[in-house]
Protein backbone atom coordinates (compact mmCIF):
# COMPACT_ATOMS: atom_id res chain seq x y z
CA UNK A 1 0.00 0.00 0.00
CA UNK A 2 1.15 3.55 -0.86
CA UNK A 3 4.27 2.31 -2.69
CA UNK A 4 5.49 0.30 0.26
CA UNK A 5 5.06 3.02 2.88
CA UNK A 6 3.22 0.57 5.16
CA UNK A 7 6.59 -1.19 5.48
CA UNK A 8 9.21 1.50 4.85
CA UNK A 9 7.84 4.18 7.18
CA UNK A 10 7.78 2.09 10.41
CA UNK A 11 11.09 0.47 9.38
CA UNK A 12 12.80 3.87 9.14
CA UNK A 13 11.01 5.74 11.93
CA UNK A 14 10.55 2.90 14.45
CA UNK A 15 7.02 4.20 14.90
CA UNK A 16 3.56 2.82 14.17
CA UNK A 17 2.06 3.79 10.85
CA UNK A 18 -1.44 3.88 9.35
CA UNK A 19 -1.69 4.15 5.58
CA UNK A 20 -4.21 6.20 3.72
CA UNK A 21 -6.99 4.09 2.12
CA UNK A 22 -5.93 2.09 -0.93
CA UNK A 23 -7.69 -0.39 -3.21
CA UNK A 24 -6.74 -4.07 -3.16
CA UNK A 25 -8.08 -6.94 -5.22
CA UNK A 26 -9.66 -9.41 -2.78
CA UNK A 27 -11.59 -12.38 -4.23
CA UNK A 28 -11.65 -10.57 -7.58
CA UNK A 29 -13.32 -7.53 -6.01
CA UNK A 30 -11.94 -4.04 -5.42
CA UNK A 31 -11.85 -3.48 -1.68
CA UNK A 32 -10.66 -0.30 -0.01
CA UNK A 33 -8.45 -1.02 2.97
CA UNK A 34 -6.03 0.67 5.32
CA UNK A 35 -2.87 -0.97 6.58
CA UNK A 36 -1.79 -0.70 10.21
CA UNK A 37 1.91 -1.40 10.68
CA UNK A 38 4.04 -1.78 13.80
CA UNK A 39 7.85 -2.02 13.88
CA UNK A 40 9.44 -5.09 15.48
CA UNK A 41 12.15 -3.74 17.77
CA UNK A 42 14.83 -5.97 19.25
CA UNK A 43 17.70 -4.54 21.32
CA UNK A 44 16.69 -1.01 20.33
CA UNK A 45 16.93 -1.89 16.66
CA UNK A 46 14.11 -2.33 14.13
CA UNK A 47 14.30 -5.89 12.81
CA UNK A 48 11.11 -5.91 10.79
CA UNK A 49 7.49 -4.79 10.49
CA UNK A 50 4.21 -6.50 11.36
CA UNK A 51 0.99 -5.24 9.84
CA UNK A 52 -2.67 -5.94 9.29
CA UNK A 53 -5.10 -4.77 6.61
CA UNK A 54 -8.53 -3.52 7.64
CA UNK A 55 -11.39 -2.89 5.22
CA UNK A 56 -13.23 0.39 5.46
CA UNK A 57 -16.47 -1.58 5.82
CA UNK A 58 -15.25 -2.82 9.18
CA UNK A 59 -14.32 0.74 10.13
CA UNK A 60 -17.84 1.85 9.20
CA UNK A 61 -19.35 -0.81 11.44
CA UNK A 62 -17.16 0.38 14.28
CA UNK A 63 -18.48 3.94 13.87
CA UNK A 64 -22.14 3.03 13.28
CA UNK A 65 -23.00 3.21 17.00
CA UNK A 66 -21.57 6.70 17.45
CA UNK A 67 -24.72 8.83 16.98
CA UNK A 68 -24.63 12.23 18.69
CA UNK A 69 -28.12 13.17 19.97
CA UNK A 70 -29.46 9.96 18.37
CA UNK A 71 -29.99 11.51 14.91
CA UNK A 72 -26.39 12.57 14.27
CA UNK A 73 -23.62 10.37 12.90
CA UNK A 74 -19.84 10.01 12.77
CA UNK A 75 -17.33 9.60 9.97
CA UNK A 76 -13.61 9.00 9.63
CA UNK A 77 -11.01 10.72 7.47
CA UNK A 78 -7.48 9.54 6.82
CA UNK A 79 -4.42 11.78 7.03
CA UNK A 80 -4.76 12.82 3.39
CA UNK A 81 -8.45 13.69 4.00
CA UNK A 82 -9.85 10.62 2.25
CA UNK A 83 -13.27 9.58 3.55
CA UNK A 84 -12.35 6.25 5.14
CA UNK A 85 -15.80 5.62 6.65
CA UNK A 86 -19.09 7.47 6.23
CA UNK A 87 -22.80 6.51 6.32
CA UNK A 88 -23.18 8.03 2.82
CA UNK A 89 -21.58 5.14 0.91
CA UNK A 90 -21.02 7.15 -2.27
CA UNK A 91 -18.46 9.44 -0.59
CA UNK A 92 -16.32 6.65 0.88
CA UNK A 93 -12.90 6.63 -0.76
CA UNK A 94 -13.23 10.20 -2.05
CA UNK A 95 -11.18 13.16 -0.87
CA UNK A 96 -12.93 15.70 1.35
CA UNK A 97 -12.09 18.46 -1.13
CA UNK A 98 -13.98 16.54 -3.79
CA UNK A 99 -17.02 15.95 -1.60
CA UNK A 100 -17.17 19.38 0.06
CA UNK A 101 -15.36 21.77 -2.27
CA UNK A 102 -16.85 24.97 -0.78
CA UNK A 103 -16.17 23.91 2.82
CA UNK A 104 -12.64 22.90 1.86
CA UNK A 105 -12.01 26.25 0.21
CA UNK A 106 -13.41 28.20 3.14
CA UNK A 107 -11.97 26.27 6.09
CA UNK A 108 -9.01 24.29 4.71
CA UNK A 109 -10.21 21.03 6.27
CA UNK A 110 -7.62 18.83 4.53
CA UNK A 111 -4.75 20.98 5.78
CA UNK A 112 -6.21 21.03 9.28
CA UNK A 113 -6.38 17.22 9.35
CA UNK A 114 -2.75 16.90 8.23
CA UNK A 115 -1.65 19.44 10.84
CA UNK A 116 -3.80 17.95 13.62
CA UNK A 117 -6.06 21.01 13.97
CA UNK A 118 -9.75 20.90 14.87
CA UNK A 119 -12.45 22.24 12.53
CA UNK A 120 -16.10 23.23 12.98
CA UNK A 121 -18.64 24.31 10.39
CA UNK A 122 -22.38 24.30 9.62
CA UNK A 123 -23.76 22.46 6.59
CA UNK A 124 -26.56 20.27 5.28
CA UNK A 125 -25.37 16.80 6.35
CA UNK A 126 -24.53 14.27 3.64
CA UNK A 127 -25.88 11.37 5.67
CA UNK A 128 -29.22 12.90 6.72
CA UNK A 129 -29.82 16.09 4.74
CA UNK A 130 -30.41 17.93 8.03
CA UNK A 131 -28.87 21.29 8.85
CA UNK A 132 -26.03 20.31 11.14
CA UNK A 133 -22.91 21.36 12.96
CA UNK A 134 -19.89 19.28 11.96
CA UNK A 135 -16.94 18.94 14.33
CA UNK A 136 -13.74 17.33 13.01
CA UNK A 137 -11.16 16.33 15.60
CA UNK A 138 -7.80 14.89 14.43
CA UNK A 139 -5.89 12.46 16.63
CA UNK A 140 -2.87 10.22 16.26
CA UNK A 141 -3.12 6.44 16.22
CA UNK A 142 -0.63 5.16 18.77
CA UNK A 143 2.69 6.89 18.10
CA UNK A 144 2.03 7.29 14.39
CA UNK A 145 3.17 10.79 13.29
CA UNK A 146 0.25 11.26 10.90
CA UNK A 147 -3.13 12.06 12.50
CA UNK A 148 -6.47 10.80 11.23
CA UNK A 149 -9.70 12.64 12.03
CA UNK A 150 -13.03 11.68 13.55
CA UNK A 151 -15.97 13.78 12.42
CA UNK A 152 -19.20 14.22 14.36
CA UNK A 153 -22.31 15.57 12.64
CA UNK A 154 -24.89 17.00 15.07
CA UNK A 155 -28.32 18.23 13.86
CA UNK A 156 -28.94 21.88 14.67
CA UNK A 157 -32.52 21.24 15.79
CA UNK A 158 -31.24 18.98 18.57
CA UNK A 159 -28.71 21.58 19.62
CA UNK A 160 -31.40 24.30 19.64
CA UNK A 161 -33.72 22.00 21.57
CA UNK A 162 -30.97 21.52 24.14
CA UNK A 163 -30.44 25.28 24.31
CA UNK A 164 -34.19 25.87 24.62
CA UNK A 165 -34.29 23.33 27.42
CA UNK A 166 -31.49 25.18 29.18
CA UNK A 167 -33.27 28.53 28.68
CA UNK A 168 -36.58 27.14 29.97
CA UNK A 169 -34.77 25.69 32.99
CA UNK A 170 -33.12 29.06 33.62
CA UNK A 171 -36.49 30.84 33.36
CA UNK A 172 -38.11 28.37 35.75
CA UNK A 173 -35.19 28.76 38.11
CA UNK A 174 -35.53 32.55 37.92
CA UNK A 175 -39.29 32.31 38.55
CA UNK A 176 -38.67 30.05 41.54
CA UNK A 177 -36.08 32.51 42.84
CA UNK A 178 -38.57 35.39 42.43
CA UNK A 179 -41.27 33.44 44.29
CA UNK A 180 -38.88 32.56 47.09
CA UNK A 181 -37.71 36.17 47.29
CA UNK A 182 -41.30 37.42 47.26
CA UNK A 183 -42.17 35.00 50.05
CA UNK A 184 -39.17 36.08 52.06
CA UNK A 185 -40.06 39.76 51.55
CA UNK A 186 -43.67 39.06 52.58
CA UNK A 187 -42.60 37.27 55.74
CA UNK A 188 -40.08 39.98 56.55
CA UNK A 189 -42.65 42.72 55.94
CA UNK A 190 -45.21 40.91 58.07
CA UNK A 191 -42.71 40.52 60.91
CA UNK A 192 -41.65 44.14 60.63
CA UNK A 193 -45.28 45.29 60.57
CA UNK A 194 -46.04 43.10 63.55
CA UNK A 195 -43.09 44.54 65.43
CA UNK A 196 -44.10 48.10 64.54
CA UNK A 197 -47.72 47.39 65.51
CA UNK A 198 -46.48 46.00 68.82
CA UNK A 199 -44.43 49.12 69.46
CA UNK A 200 -47.40 51.33 68.54
CA UNK A 201 -49.70 49.35 70.85
CA UNK A 202 -47.27 49.63 73.73
CA UNK A 203 -46.79 53.34 73.07
CA UNK A 204 -50.55 53.83 73.01
CA UNK A 205 -50.89 51.92 76.29
CA UNK A 206 -48.17 53.98 77.93
CA UNK A 207 -49.72 57.19 76.61
CA UNK A 208 -53.14 56.21 77.88
CA UNK A 209 -51.69 55.17 81.22
CA UNK A 210 -49.82 58.48 81.54
CA UNK A 211 -52.92 60.43 80.59
CA UNK A 212 -54.96 58.50 83.11
CA UNK A 213 -52.42 59.23 85.84
CA UNK A 214 -52.52 62.95 85.06
CA UNK A 215 -56.31 62.86 85.07
CA UNK A 216 -56.29 61.15 88.45
CA UNK A 217 -53.86 63.78 89.79
CA UNK A 218 -56.11 66.59 88.59
CA UNK A 219 -59.14 64.92 90.23
CA UNK A 220 -57.33 65.02 93.55
C-alpha atoms as a PDB file:
ATOM      1  CA  UNK A   1       0.000   0.000   0.000  1.00  0.00           C
ATOM      2  CA  UNK A   2       1.150   3.551  -0.862  1.00  0.00           C
ATOM      3  CA  UNK A   3       4.266   2.308  -2.688  1.00  0.00           C
ATOM      4  CA  UNK A   4       5.487   0.295   0.256  1.00  0.00           C
ATOM      5  CA  UNK A   5       5.057   3.018   2.877  1.00  0.00           C
ATOM      6  CA  UNK A   6       3.218   0.574   5.158  1.00  0.00           C
ATOM      7  CA  UNK A   7       6.594  -1.186   5.481  1.00  0.00           C
ATOM      8  CA  UNK A   8       9.207   1.498   4.850  1.00  0.00           C
ATOM      9  CA  UNK A   9       7.838   4.182   7.185  1.00  0.00           C
ATOM     10  CA  UNK A  10       7.779   2.093  10.409  1.00  0.00           C
ATOM     11  CA  UNK A  11      11.086   0.470   9.384  1.00  0.00           C
ATOM     12  CA  UNK A  12      12.803   3.865   9.139  1.00  0.00           C
ATOM     13  CA  UNK A  13      11.006   5.742  11.928  1.00  0.00           C
ATOM     14  CA  UNK A  14      10.555   2.898  14.451  1.00  0.00           C
ATOM     15  CA  UNK A  15       7.018   4.198  14.899  1.00  0.00           C
ATOM     16  CA  UNK A  16       3.561   2.818  14.174  1.00  0.00           C
ATOM     17  CA  UNK A  17       2.057   3.786  10.849  1.00  0.00           C
ATOM     18  CA  UNK A  18      -1.435   3.876   9.349  1.00  0.00           C
ATOM     19  CA  UNK A  19      -1.687   4.147   5.576  1.00  0.00           C
ATOM     20  CA  UNK A  20      -4.214   6.198   3.716  1.00  0.00           C
ATOM     21  CA  UNK A  21      -6.989   4.094   2.125  1.00  0.00           C
ATOM     22  CA  UNK A  22      -5.930   2.093  -0.927  1.00  0.00           C
ATOM     23  CA  UNK A  23      -7.690  -0.388  -3.207  1.00  0.00           C
ATOM     24  CA  UNK A  24      -6.737  -4.072  -3.158  1.00  0.00           C
ATOM     25  CA  UNK A  25      -8.076  -6.941  -5.218  1.00  0.00           C
ATOM     26  CA  UNK A  26      -9.658  -9.415  -2.782  1.00  0.00           C
ATOM     27  CA  UNK A  27     -11.591 -12.382  -4.227  1.00  0.00           C
ATOM     28  CA  UNK A  28     -11.646 -10.569  -7.582  1.00  0.00           C
ATOM     29  CA  UNK A  29     -13.316  -7.533  -6.011  1.00  0.00           C
ATOM     30  CA  UNK A  30     -11.937  -4.043  -5.422  1.00  0.00           C
ATOM     31  CA  UNK A  31     -11.846  -3.477  -1.679  1.00  0.00           C
ATOM     32  CA  UNK A  32     -10.658  -0.296  -0.010  1.00  0.00           C
ATOM     33  CA  UNK A  33      -8.448  -1.024   2.970  1.00  0.00           C
ATOM     34  CA  UNK A  34      -6.027   0.670   5.323  1.00  0.00           C
ATOM     35  CA  UNK A  35      -2.866  -0.970   6.585  1.00  0.00           C
ATOM     36  CA  UNK A  36      -1.791  -0.698  10.213  1.00  0.00           C
ATOM     37  CA  UNK A  37       1.908  -1.399  10.684  1.00  0.00           C
ATOM     38  CA  UNK A  38       4.043  -1.781  13.800  1.00  0.00           C
ATOM     39  CA  UNK A  39       7.850  -2.019  13.879  1.00  0.00           C
ATOM     40  CA  UNK A  40       9.437  -5.091  15.481  1.00  0.00           C
ATOM     41  CA  UNK A  41      12.147  -3.738  17.775  1.00  0.00           C
ATOM     42  CA  UNK A  42      14.832  -5.968  19.252  1.00  0.00           C
ATOM     43  CA  UNK A  43      17.698  -4.540  21.318  1.00  0.00           C
ATOM     44  CA  UNK A  44      16.692  -1.008  20.330  1.00  0.00           C
ATOM     45  CA  UNK A  45      16.934  -1.892  16.656  1.00  0.00           C
ATOM     46  CA  UNK A  46      14.115  -2.332  14.132  1.00  0.00           C
ATOM     47  CA  UNK A  47      14.299  -5.888  12.806  1.00  0.00           C
ATOM     48  CA  UNK A  48      11.105  -5.913  10.794  1.00  0.00           C
ATOM     49  CA  UNK A  49       7.494  -4.789  10.485  1.00  0.00           C
ATOM     50  CA  UNK A  50       4.212  -6.496  11.363  1.00  0.00           C
ATOM     51  CA  UNK A  51       0.989  -5.242   9.840  1.00  0.00           C
ATOM     52  CA  UNK A  52      -2.673  -5.944   9.289  1.00  0.00           C
ATOM     53  CA  UNK A  53      -5.103  -4.767   6.609  1.00  0.00           C
ATOM     54  CA  UNK A  54      -8.530  -3.516   7.637  1.00  0.00           C
ATOM     55  CA  UNK A  55     -11.387  -2.889   5.224  1.00  0.00           C
ATOM     56  CA  UNK A  56     -13.233   0.393   5.457  1.00  0.00           C
ATOM     57  CA  UNK A  57     -16.467  -1.580   5.818  1.00  0.00           C
ATOM     58  CA  UNK A  58     -15.247  -2.820   9.184  1.00  0.00           C
ATOM     59  CA  UNK A  59     -14.321   0.743  10.127  1.00  0.00           C
ATOM     60  CA  UNK A  60     -17.839   1.848   9.197  1.00  0.00           C
ATOM     61  CA  UNK A  61     -19.350  -0.811  11.440  1.00  0.00           C
ATOM     62  CA  UNK A  62     -17.158   0.383  14.281  1.00  0.00           C
ATOM     63  CA  UNK A  63     -18.479   3.939  13.868  1.00  0.00           C
ATOM     64  CA  UNK A  64     -22.136   3.034  13.284  1.00  0.00           C
ATOM     65  CA  UNK A  65     -22.997   3.212  16.996  1.00  0.00           C
ATOM     66  CA  UNK A  66     -21.572   6.701  17.454  1.00  0.00           C
ATOM     67  CA  UNK A  67     -24.720   8.827  16.981  1.00  0.00           C
ATOM     68  CA  UNK A  68     -24.629  12.225  18.693  1.00  0.00           C
ATOM     69  CA  UNK A  69     -28.116  13.168  19.967  1.00  0.00           C
ATOM     70  CA  UNK A  70     -29.456   9.962  18.367  1.00  0.00           C
ATOM     71  CA  UNK A  71     -29.988  11.507  14.912  1.00  0.00           C
ATOM     72  CA  UNK A  72     -26.386  12.568  14.270  1.00  0.00           C
ATOM     73  CA  UNK A  73     -23.617  10.370  12.896  1.00  0.00           C
ATOM     74  CA  UNK A  74     -19.841  10.008  12.770  1.00  0.00           C
ATOM     75  CA  UNK A  75     -17.329   9.604   9.972  1.00  0.00           C
ATOM     76  CA  UNK A  76     -13.605   9.000   9.634  1.00  0.00           C
ATOM     77  CA  UNK A  77     -11.006  10.719   7.471  1.00  0.00           C
ATOM     78  CA  UNK A  78      -7.480   9.541   6.819  1.00  0.00           C
ATOM     79  CA  UNK A  79      -4.420  11.775   7.027  1.00  0.00           C
ATOM     80  CA  UNK A  80      -4.757  12.821   3.385  1.00  0.00           C
ATOM     81  CA  UNK A  81      -8.446  13.693   3.999  1.00  0.00           C
ATOM     82  CA  UNK A  82      -9.852  10.619   2.251  1.00  0.00           C
ATOM     83  CA  UNK A  83     -13.272   9.585   3.552  1.00  0.00           C
ATOM     84  CA  UNK A  84     -12.352   6.252   5.141  1.00  0.00           C
ATOM     85  CA  UNK A  85     -15.797   5.622   6.650  1.00  0.00           C
ATOM     86  CA  UNK A  86     -19.092   7.470   6.235  1.00  0.00           C
ATOM     87  CA  UNK A  87     -22.800   6.512   6.321  1.00  0.00           C
ATOM     88  CA  UNK A  88     -23.181   8.026   2.820  1.00  0.00           C
ATOM     89  CA  UNK A  89     -21.579   5.139   0.911  1.00  0.00           C
ATOM     90  CA  UNK A  90     -21.025   7.147  -2.273  1.00  0.00           C
ATOM     91  CA  UNK A  91     -18.465   9.439  -0.586  1.00  0.00           C
ATOM     92  CA  UNK A  92     -16.315   6.645   0.881  1.00  0.00           C
ATOM     93  CA  UNK A  93     -12.899   6.630  -0.755  1.00  0.00           C
ATOM     94  CA  UNK A  94     -13.231  10.195  -2.047  1.00  0.00           C
ATOM     95  CA  UNK A  95     -11.177  13.164  -0.874  1.00  0.00           C
ATOM     96  CA  UNK A  96     -12.932  15.697   1.353  1.00  0.00           C
ATOM     97  CA  UNK A  97     -12.090  18.459  -1.126  1.00  0.00           C
ATOM     98  CA  UNK A  98     -13.982  16.543  -3.794  1.00  0.00           C
ATOM     99  CA  UNK A  99     -17.021  15.949  -1.599  1.00  0.00           C
ATOM    100  CA  UNK A 100     -17.170  19.380   0.057  1.00  0.00           C
ATOM    101  CA  UNK A 101     -15.362  21.772  -2.272  1.00  0.00           C
ATOM    102  CA  UNK A 102     -16.849  24.967  -0.780  1.00  0.00           C
ATOM    103  CA  UNK A 103     -16.175  23.910   2.818  1.00  0.00           C
ATOM    104  CA  UNK A 104     -12.639  22.897   1.859  1.00  0.00           C
ATOM    105  CA  UNK A 105     -12.011  26.245   0.209  1.00  0.00           C
ATOM    106  CA  UNK A 106     -13.408  28.200   3.142  1.00  0.00           C
ATOM    107  CA  UNK A 107     -11.970  26.271   6.093  1.00  0.00           C
ATOM    108  CA  UNK A 108      -9.008  24.288   4.711  1.00  0.00           C
ATOM    109  CA  UNK A 109     -10.209  21.032   6.265  1.00  0.00           C
ATOM    110  CA  UNK A 110      -7.617  18.830   4.528  1.00  0.00           C
ATOM    111  CA  UNK A 111      -4.747  20.979   5.784  1.00  0.00           C
ATOM    112  CA  UNK A 112      -6.215  21.026   9.283  1.00  0.00           C
ATOM    113  CA  UNK A 113      -6.379  17.220   9.349  1.00  0.00           C
ATOM    114  CA  UNK A 114      -2.750  16.903   8.229  1.00  0.00           C
ATOM    115  CA  UNK A 115      -1.651  19.436  10.844  1.00  0.00           C
ATOM    116  CA  UNK A 116      -3.804  17.950  13.616  1.00  0.00           C
ATOM    117  CA  UNK A 117      -6.059  21.013  13.974  1.00  0.00           C
ATOM    118  CA  UNK A 118      -9.755  20.898  14.870  1.00  0.00           C
ATOM    119  CA  UNK A 119     -12.453  22.238  12.534  1.00  0.00           C
ATOM    120  CA  UNK A 120     -16.103  23.233  12.984  1.00  0.00           C
ATOM    121  CA  UNK A 121     -18.639  24.314  10.391  1.00  0.00           C
ATOM    122  CA  UNK A 122     -22.384  24.302   9.619  1.00  0.00           C
ATOM    123  CA  UNK A 123     -23.755  22.455   6.594  1.00  0.00           C
ATOM    124  CA  UNK A 124     -26.564  20.267   5.275  1.00  0.00           C
ATOM    125  CA  UNK A 125     -25.372  16.800   6.347  1.00  0.00           C
ATOM    126  CA  UNK A 126     -24.529  14.271   3.640  1.00  0.00           C
ATOM    127  CA  UNK A 127     -25.876  11.374   5.665  1.00  0.00           C
ATOM    128  CA  UNK A 128     -29.222  12.901   6.718  1.00  0.00           C
ATOM    129  CA  UNK A 129     -29.822  16.092   4.745  1.00  0.00           C
ATOM    130  CA  UNK A 130     -30.405  17.927   8.028  1.00  0.00           C
ATOM    131  CA  UNK A 131     -28.865  21.294   8.851  1.00  0.00           C
ATOM    132  CA  UNK A 132     -26.035  20.305  11.138  1.00  0.00           C
ATOM    133  CA  UNK A 133     -22.913  21.361  12.957  1.00  0.00           C
ATOM    134  CA  UNK A 134     -19.889  19.282  11.958  1.00  0.00           C
ATOM    135  CA  UNK A 135     -16.941  18.940  14.334  1.00  0.00           C
ATOM    136  CA  UNK A 136     -13.741  17.330  13.010  1.00  0.00           C
ATOM    137  CA  UNK A 137     -11.164  16.326  15.599  1.00  0.00           C
ATOM    138  CA  UNK A 138      -7.804  14.895  14.435  1.00  0.00           C
ATOM    139  CA  UNK A 139      -5.887  12.459  16.627  1.00  0.00           C
ATOM    140  CA  UNK A 140      -2.869  10.223  16.262  1.00  0.00           C
ATOM    141  CA  UNK A 141      -3.120   6.437  16.222  1.00  0.00           C
ATOM    142  CA  UNK A 142      -0.631   5.159  18.771  1.00  0.00           C
ATOM    143  CA  UNK A 143       2.689   6.894  18.098  1.00  0.00           C
ATOM    144  CA  UNK A 144       2.033   7.291  14.388  1.00  0.00           C
ATOM    145  CA  UNK A 145       3.171  10.788  13.288  1.00  0.00           C
ATOM    146  CA  UNK A 146       0.247  11.256  10.901  1.00  0.00           C
ATOM    147  CA  UNK A 147      -3.135  12.055  12.497  1.00  0.00           C
ATOM    148  CA  UNK A 148      -6.473  10.802  11.231  1.00  0.00           C
ATOM    149  CA  UNK A 149      -9.699  12.642  12.029  1.00  0.00           C
ATOM    150  CA  UNK A 150     -13.025  11.683  13.551  1.00  0.00           C
ATOM    151  CA  UNK A 151     -15.968  13.776  12.419  1.00  0.00           C
ATOM    152  CA  UNK A 152     -19.205  14.216  14.356  1.00  0.00           C
ATOM    153  CA  UNK A 153     -22.314  15.568  12.643  1.00  0.00           C
ATOM    154  CA  UNK A 154     -24.889  17.002  15.073  1.00  0.00           C
ATOM    155  CA  UNK A 155     -28.324  18.227  13.864  1.00  0.00           C
ATOM    156  CA  UNK A 156     -28.935  21.882  14.675  1.00  0.00           C
ATOM    157  CA  UNK A 157     -32.518  21.239  15.789  1.00  0.00           C
ATOM    158  CA  UNK A 158     -31.240  18.982  18.569  1.00  0.00           C
ATOM    159  CA  UNK A 159     -28.714  21.583  19.621  1.00  0.00           C
ATOM    160  CA  UNK A 160     -31.402  24.299  19.637  1.00  0.00           C
ATOM    161  CA  UNK A 161     -33.718  21.995  21.573  1.00  0.00           C
ATOM    162  CA  UNK A 162     -30.968  21.524  24.137  1.00  0.00           C
ATOM    163  CA  UNK A 163     -30.443  25.279  24.312  1.00  0.00           C
ATOM    164  CA  UNK A 164     -34.195  25.866  24.617  1.00  0.00           C
ATOM    165  CA  UNK A 165     -34.295  23.332  27.418  1.00  0.00           C
ATOM    166  CA  UNK A 166     -31.490  25.184  29.181  1.00  0.00           C
ATOM    167  CA  UNK A 167     -33.274  28.529  28.677  1.00  0.00           C
ATOM    168  CA  UNK A 168     -36.577  27.139  29.968  1.00  0.00           C
ATOM    169  CA  UNK A 169     -34.774  25.694  32.988  1.00  0.00           C
ATOM    170  CA  UNK A 170     -33.121  29.060  33.616  1.00  0.00           C
ATOM    171  CA  UNK A 171     -36.488  30.838  33.359  1.00  0.00           C
ATOM    172  CA  UNK A 172     -38.114  28.370  35.753  1.00  0.00           C
ATOM    173  CA  UNK A 173     -35.195  28.757  38.107  1.00  0.00           C
ATOM    174  CA  UNK A 174     -35.529  32.549  37.918  1.00  0.00           C
ATOM    175  CA  UNK A 175     -39.291  32.312  38.554  1.00  0.00           C
ATOM    176  CA  UNK A 176     -38.669  30.052  41.536  1.00  0.00           C
ATOM    177  CA  UNK A 177     -36.084  32.512  42.838  1.00  0.00           C
ATOM    178  CA  UNK A 178     -38.567  35.395  42.429  1.00  0.00           C
ATOM    179  CA  UNK A 179     -41.272  33.442  44.288  1.00  0.00           C
ATOM    180  CA  UNK A 180     -38.878  32.562  47.089  1.00  0.00           C
ATOM    181  CA  UNK A 181     -37.705  36.170  47.288  1.00  0.00           C
ATOM    182  CA  UNK A 182     -41.297  37.424  47.260  1.00  0.00           C
ATOM    183  CA  UNK A 183     -42.171  34.997  50.048  1.00  0.00           C
ATOM    184  CA  UNK A 184     -39.173  36.078  52.063  1.00  0.00           C
ATOM    185  CA  UNK A 185     -40.060  39.762  51.550  1.00  0.00           C
ATOM    186  CA  UNK A 186     -43.667  39.058  52.575  1.00  0.00           C
ATOM    187  CA  UNK A 187     -42.595  37.269  55.741  1.00  0.00           C
ATOM    188  CA  UNK A 188     -40.081  39.982  56.546  1.00  0.00           C
ATOM    189  CA  UNK A 189     -42.649  42.720  55.944  1.00  0.00           C
ATOM    190  CA  UNK A 190     -45.212  40.908  58.072  1.00  0.00           C
ATOM    191  CA  UNK A 191     -42.715  40.518  60.912  1.00  0.00           C
ATOM    192  CA  UNK A 192     -41.646  44.137  60.630  1.00  0.00           C
ATOM    193  CA  UNK A 193     -45.284  45.287  60.565  1.00  0.00           C
ATOM    194  CA  UNK A 194     -46.038  43.097  63.553  1.00  0.00           C
ATOM    195  CA  UNK A 195     -43.087  44.539  65.427  1.00  0.00           C
ATOM    196  CA  UNK A 196     -44.105  48.098  64.542  1.00  0.00           C
ATOM    197  CA  UNK A 197     -47.717  47.390  65.511  1.00  0.00           C
ATOM    198  CA  UNK A 198     -46.480  45.997  68.819  1.00  0.00           C
ATOM    199  CA  UNK A 199     -44.435  49.125  69.460  1.00  0.00           C
ATOM    200  CA  UNK A 200     -47.399  51.328  68.541  1.00  0.00           C
ATOM    201  CA  UNK A 201     -49.697  49.352  70.854  1.00  0.00           C
ATOM    202  CA  UNK A 202     -47.266  49.632  73.729  1.00  0.00           C
ATOM    203  CA  UNK A 203     -46.792  53.338  73.070  1.00  0.00           C
ATOM    204  CA  UNK A 204     -50.555  53.827  73.011  1.00  0.00           C
ATOM    205  CA  UNK A 205     -50.892  51.916  76.286  1.00  0.00           C
ATOM    206  CA  UNK A 206     -48.167  53.976  77.931  1.00  0.00           C
ATOM    207  CA  UNK A 207     -49.722  57.193  76.608  1.00  0.00           C
ATOM    208  CA  UNK A 208     -53.140  56.214  77.879  1.00  0.00           C
ATOM    209  CA  UNK A 209     -51.690  55.172  81.222  1.00  0.00           C
ATOM    210  CA  UNK A 210     -49.822  58.481  81.541  1.00  0.00           C
ATOM    211  CA  UNK A 211     -52.917  60.425  80.587  1.00  0.00           C
ATOM    212  CA  UNK A 212     -54.961  58.505  83.106  1.00  0.00           C
ATOM    213  CA  UNK A 213     -52.422  59.231  85.842  1.00  0.00           C
ATOM    214  CA  UNK A 214     -52.522  62.949  85.058  1.00  0.00           C
ATOM    215  CA  UNK A 215     -56.310  62.857  85.074  1.00  0.00           C
ATOM    216  CA  UNK A 216     -56.287  61.154  88.450  1.00  0.00           C
ATOM    217  CA  UNK A 217     -53.857  63.781  89.786  1.00  0.00           C
ATOM    218  CA  UNK A 218     -56.107  66.586  88.585  1.00  0.00           C
ATOM    219  CA  UNK A 219     -59.136  64.916  90.233  1.00  0.00           C
ATOM    220  CA  UNK A 220     -57.326  65.020  93.546  1.00  0.00           C
END
